[in-house]
Amino acid sequence: MSTDTKTVKNENAEIKDTKAAAPKVPRHKMSTGILFVQATYNNTKVLLADSKGNAVAASSSGTLGFKGAKKGTPFAAAKVGELLGDKAKAMGVNEVDVVVSGVGAGRESSIRAFSSKGIGILSITDKTPVPHNGPKPKKPRRV
């Protein structure tokens, strides 16, 4: 009898596996989009938006399972770019405008990995904030 229950449990597990393995159908169909890349020293976030600027898909190196200092590496950024490239291909995206902000190590590698999936890049815009003169210095100490 114990063997019968084991087979039933295995059959149930197989049924659960087939439900999870069903391919996801993309909700949005678009040909062009905007790719926002935020590359900091500690992480790289990539967001795919439609031409109006509404977010469609996003990912970061932290959501892929990288922890600590590995999140800021170019390798982690490339993995994020590949993942979003696959999602964009499933939605039918052919061309993107890229907007980059930040000075992290993953700003170039994420774009390269994204474009390696066969998606054309129309333009690359750098929106990194640059301070003009910095904050006001502290008052001199009186002793």
C-alpha atoms as a PDB file:
ATOM      1  CA  MET A   1       0.000   0.000   0.000  1.00  0.00           C
ATOM      2  CA  SER A   2       2.832   2.407   0.715  1.00  0.00           C
ATOM      3  CA  THR A   3       3.994   2.101  -2.902  1.00  0.00           C
ATOM      4  CA  ASP A   4       0.534   3.123  -4.149  1.00  0.00           C
ATOM      5  CA  THR A   5       0.565   6.312  -2.075  1.00  0.00           C
ATOM      6  CA  LYS A   6       4.044   7.157  -3.317  1.00  0.00           C
ATOM      7  CA  THR A   7       2.931   6.877  -6.935  1.00  0.00           C
ATOM      8  CA  VAL A   8      -0.067   9.067  -6.207  1.00  0.00           C
ATOM      9  CA  LYS A   9       2.201  11.673  -4.635  1.00  0.00           C
ATOM     10  CA  ASN A  10       4.538  11.524  -7.616  1.00  0.00           C
ATOM     11  CA  GLU A  11       1.625  11.894 -10.031  1.00  0.00           C
ATOM     12  CA  ASN A  12       0.417  14.953  -8.124  1.00  0.00           C
ATOM     13  CA  ALA A  13       3.898  16.434  -8.244  1.00  0.00           C
ATOM     14  CA  GLU A  14       4.039  15.885 -11.996  1.00  0.00           C
ATOM     15  CA  ILE A  15       0.741  17.670 -12.457  1.00  0.00           C
ATOM     16  CA  LYS A  16       1.993  20.648 -10.461  1.00  0.00           C
ATOM     17  CA  ASP A  17       5.176  20.776 -12.523  1.00  0.00           C
ATOM     18  CA  THR A  18       3.280  20.884 -15.826  1.00  0.00           C
ATOM     19  CA  LYS A  19       1.149  23.807 -14.653  1.00  0.00           C
ATOM     20  CA  ALA A  20       4.220  25.833 -13.673  1.00  0.00           C
ATOM     21  CA  ALA A  21       5.981  25.035 -16.964  1.00  0.00           C
ATOM     22  CA  ALA A  22       3.243  26.609 -19.114  1.00  0.00           C
ATOM     23  CA  PRO A  23       4.736  29.417 -21.258  1.00  0.00           C
ATOM     24  CA  LYS A  24       3.738  32.928 -20.276  1.00  0.00           C
ATOM     25  CA  VAL A  25       1.934  34.910 -22.949  1.00  0.00           C
ATOM     26  CA  PRO A  26       3.108  38.540 -23.106  1.00  0.00           C
ATOM     27  CA  ARG A  27       0.349  41.047 -22.331  1.00  0.00           C
ATOM     28  CA  HIS A  28       1.796  43.879 -24.395  1.00  0.00           C
ATOM     29  CA  LYS A  29       2.618  43.880 -28.085  1.00  0.00           C
ATOM     30  CA  MET A  30       4.824  46.755 -29.190  1.00  0.00           C
ATOM     31  CA  SER A  31       7.500  47.382 -31.788  1.00  0.00           C
ATOM     32  CA  THR A  32       9.468  50.198 -30.134  1.00  0.00           C
ATOM     33  CA  GLY A  33      10.219  51.046 -26.524  1.00  0.00           C
ATOM     34  CA  ILE A  34      12.466  52.857 -24.083  1.00  0.00           C
ATOM     35  CA  LEU A  35      15.098  51.041 -22.037  1.00  0.00           C
ATOM     36  CA  PHE A  36      16.052  52.756 -18.779  1.00  0.00           C
ATOM     37  CA  VAL A  37      19.337  51.632 -17.206  1.00  0.00           C
ATOM     38  CA  GLN A  38      20.230  52.788 -13.696  1.00  0.00           C
ATOM     39  CA  ALA A  39      23.766  51.705 -12.873  1.00  0.00           C
ATOM     40  CA  THR A  40      24.940  52.453  -9.343  1.00  0.00           C
ATOM     41  CA  TYR A  41      28.057  51.188  -7.616  1.00  0.00           C
ATOM     42  CA  ASN A  42      26.007  48.576  -5.729  1.00  0.00           C
ATOM     43  CA  ASN A  43      23.335  47.463  -8.196  1.00  0.00           C
ATOM     44  CA  THR A  44      22.094  47.683 -11.790  1.00  0.00           C
ATOM     45  CA  LYS A  45      18.395  48.187 -12.521  1.00  0.00           C
ATOM     46  CA  VAL A  46      16.961  47.911 -16.020  1.00  0.00           C
ATOM     47  CA  LEU A  47      13.401  48.892 -16.969  1.00  0.00           C
ATOM     48  CA  LEU A  48      11.653  48.466 -20.307  1.00  0.00           C
ATOM     49  CA  ALA A  49       8.876  50.947 -21.066  1.00  0.00           C
ATOM     50  CA  ASP A  50       6.617  51.558 -24.021  1.00  0.00           C
ATOM     51  CA  SER A  51       7.011  54.649 -26.193  1.00  0.00           C
ATOM     52  CA  LYS A  52       4.799  56.696 -23.811  1.00  0.00           C
ATOM     53  CA  GLY A  53       7.009  55.838 -20.832  1.00  0.00           C
ATOM     54  CA  ASN A  54       4.725  53.321 -19.101  1.00  0.00           C
ATOM     55  CA  ALA A  55       6.700  50.515 -17.446  1.00  0.00           C
ATOM     56  CA  VAL A  56       6.256  47.108 -19.062  1.00  0.00           C
ATOM     57  CA  ALA A  57       9.064  44.910 -17.672  1.00  0.00           C
ATOM     58  CA  ALA A  58      11.813  45.471 -15.130  1.00  0.00           C
ATOM     59  CA  SER A  59      14.601  43.561 -13.452  1.00  0.00           C
ATOM     60  CA  SER A  60      17.731  44.139 -11.414  1.00  0.00           C
ATOM     61  CA  SER A  61      20.784  42.150 -10.448  1.00  0.00           C
ATOM     62  CA  GLY A  62      19.382  41.779  -6.931  1.00  0.00           C
ATOM     63  CA  THR A  63      16.209  40.095  -8.192  1.00  0.00           C
ATOM     64  CA  LEU A  64      18.310  37.587 -10.141  1.00  0.00           C
ATOM     65  CA  GLY A  65      19.880  36.337  -6.917  1.00  0.00           C
ATOM     66  CA  PHE A  66      23.170  38.233  -6.823  1.00  0.00           C
ATOM     67  CA  LYS A  67      24.067  39.380  -3.327  1.00  0.00           C
ATOM     68  CA  GLY A  68      26.420  41.934  -1.835  1.00  0.00           C
ATOM     69  CA  ALA A  69      29.248  43.301  -3.939  1.00  0.00           C
ATOM     70  CA  LYS A  70      28.456  40.909  -6.822  1.00  0.00           C
ATOM     71  CA  LYS A  71      25.323  42.930  -7.658  1.00  0.00           C
ATOM     72  CA  GLY A  72      27.423  45.816  -8.967  1.00  0.00           C
ATOM     73  CA  THR A  73      29.549  43.735 -11.340  1.00  0.00           C
ATOM     74  CA  PRO A  74      29.330  43.905 -15.136  1.00  0.00           C
ATOM     75  CA  PHE A  75      28.542  40.168 -15.225  1.00  0.00           C
ATOM     76  CA  ALA A  76      25.396  40.646 -13.129  1.00  0.00           C
ATOM     77  CA  ALA A  77      24.365  43.589 -15.302  1.00  0.00           C
ATOM     78  CA  ALA A  78      24.823  41.474 -18.429  1.00  0.00           C
ATOM     79  CA  LYS A  79      22.532  38.800 -17.001  1.00  0.00           C
ATOM     80  CA  VAL A  80      19.882  41.450 -16.308  1.00  0.00           C
ATOM     81  CA  GLY A  81      20.208  42.751 -19.879  1.00  0.00           C
ATOM     82  CA  GLU A  82      19.844  39.242 -21.325  1.00  0.00           C
ATOM     83  CA  LEU A  83      16.733  38.561 -19.247  1.00  0.00           C
ATOM     84  CA  LEU A  84      15.049  41.784 -20.324  1.00  0.00           C
ATOM     85  CA  GLY A  85      16.115  41.173 -23.923  1.00  0.00           C
ATOM     86  CA  ASP A  86      14.276  37.850 -23.892  1.00  0.00           C
ATOM     87  CA  LYS A  87      11.168  39.491 -22.418  1.00  0.00           C
ATOM     88  CA  ALA A  88      11.322  42.248 -25.030  1.00  0.00           C
ATOM     89  CA  LYS A  89      11.654  39.730 -27.875  1.00  0.00           C
ATOM     90  CA  ALA A  90       8.564  37.907 -26.595  1.00  0.00           C
ATOM     91  CA  MET A  91       6.645  41.205 -26.719  1.00  0.00           C
ATOM     92  CA  GLY A  92       7.763  41.875 -30.285  1.00  0.00           C
ATOM     93  CA  VAL A  93      10.106  44.790 -29.604  1.00  0.00           C
ATOM     94  CA  ASN A  94      12.430  45.550 -32.527  1.00  0.00           C
ATOM     95  CA  GLU A  95      14.008  48.893 -31.557  1.00  0.00           C
ATOM     96  CA  VAL A  96      14.622  50.767 -28.313  1.00  0.00           C
ATOM     97  CA  ASP A  97      15.879  54.141 -27.177  1.00  0.00           C
ATOM     98  CA  VAL A  98      18.259  53.741 -24.236  1.00  0.00           C
ATOM     99  CA  VAL A  99      18.378  56.173 -21.308  1.00  0.00           C
ATOM    100  CA  VAL A 100      21.332  55.588 -18.964  1.00  0.00           C
ATOM    101  CA  SER A 101      21.786  57.123 -15.531  1.00  0.00           C
ATOM    102  CA  GLY A 102      24.500  56.431 -12.993  1.00  0.00           C
ATOM    103  CA  VAL A 103      28.211  55.736 -13.027  1.00  0.00           C
ATOM    104  CA  GLY A 104      28.260  52.037 -12.106  1.00  0.00           C
ATOM    105  CA  ALA A 105      30.173  49.245 -13.797  1.00  0.00           C
ATOM    106  CA  GLY A 106      27.087  47.734 -15.434  1.00  0.00           C
ATOM    107  CA  ARG A 107      25.968  50.602 -17.612  1.00  0.00           C
ATOM    108  CA  GLU A 108      27.639  49.375 -20.799  1.00  0.00           C
ATOM    109  CA  SER A 109      27.459  45.615 -20.287  1.00  0.00           C
ATOM    110  CA  SER A 110      23.701  45.612 -19.711  1.00  0.00           C
ATOM    111  CA  ILE A 111      23.122  47.460 -23.002  1.00  0.00           C
ATOM    112  CA  ARG A 112      25.439  45.108 -24.892  1.00  0.00           C
ATOM    113  CA  ALA A 113      23.683  42.042 -23.504  1.00  0.00           C
ATOM    114  CA  PHE A 114      20.269  43.512 -24.345  1.00  0.00           C
ATOM    115  CA  SER A 115      21.243  44.292 -27.934  1.00  0.00           C
ATOM    116  CA  SER A 116      22.764  40.815 -28.375  1.00  0.00           C
ATOM    117  CA  LYS A 117      19.214  39.420 -28.414  1.00  0.00           C
ATOM    118  CA  GLY A 118      18.676  41.029 -31.821  1.00  0.00           C
ATOM    119  CA  ILE A 119      17.023  44.270 -30.759  1.00  0.00           C
ATOM    120  CA  GLY A 120      18.205  47.455 -32.454  1.00  0.00           C
ATOM    121  CA  ILE A 121      19.281  50.519 -30.481  1.00  0.00           C
ATOM    122  CA  LEU A 122      18.108  53.834 -31.936  1.00  0.00           C
ATOM    123  CA  SER A 123      19.845  56.187 -29.484  1.00  0.00           C
ATOM    124  CA  ILE A 124      21.681  56.221 -26.176  1.00  0.00           C
ATOM    125  CA  THR A 125      21.029  59.176 -23.865  1.00  0.00           C
ATOM    126  CA  ASP A 126      22.992  59.830 -20.665  1.00  0.00           C
ATOM    127  CA  LYS A 127      20.835  61.334 -17.898  1.00  0.00           C
ATOM    128  CA  THR A 128      23.390  61.035 -15.086  1.00  0.00           C
ATOM    129  CA  PRO A 129      22.906  63.913 -12.639  1.00  0.00           C
ATOM    130  CA  VAL A 130      26.010  66.106 -12.418  1.00  0.00           C
ATOM    131  CA  PRO A 131      26.454  68.591  -9.530  1.00  0.00           C
ATOM    132  CA  HIS A 132      27.332  72.136 -10.611  1.00  0.00           C
ATOM    133  CA  ASN A 133      29.124  73.331  -7.510  1.00  0.00           C
ATOM    134  CA  GLY A 134      28.247  70.836  -4.780  1.00  0.00           C
ATOM    135  CA  PRO A 135      26.758  71.570  -1.355  1.00  0.00           C
ATOM    136  CA  LYS A 136      27.689  74.569   0.749  1.00  0.00           C
ATOM    137  CA  PRO A 137      30.759  73.831   2.925  1.00  0.00           C
ATOM    138  CA  LYS A 138      30.551  73.703   6.716  1.00  0.00           C
ATOM    139  CA  LYS A 139      31.176  76.832   8.747  1.00  0.00           C
ATOM    140  CA  PRO A 140      34.735  77.116  10.156  1.00  0.00           C
ATOM    141  CA  ARG A 141      35.061  75.709  13.668  1.00  0.00           C
ATOM    142  CA  ARG A 142      35.446  78.243  16.472  1.00  0.00           C
ATOM    143  CA  VAL A 143      37.652  77.156  19.371  1.00  0.00           C
END
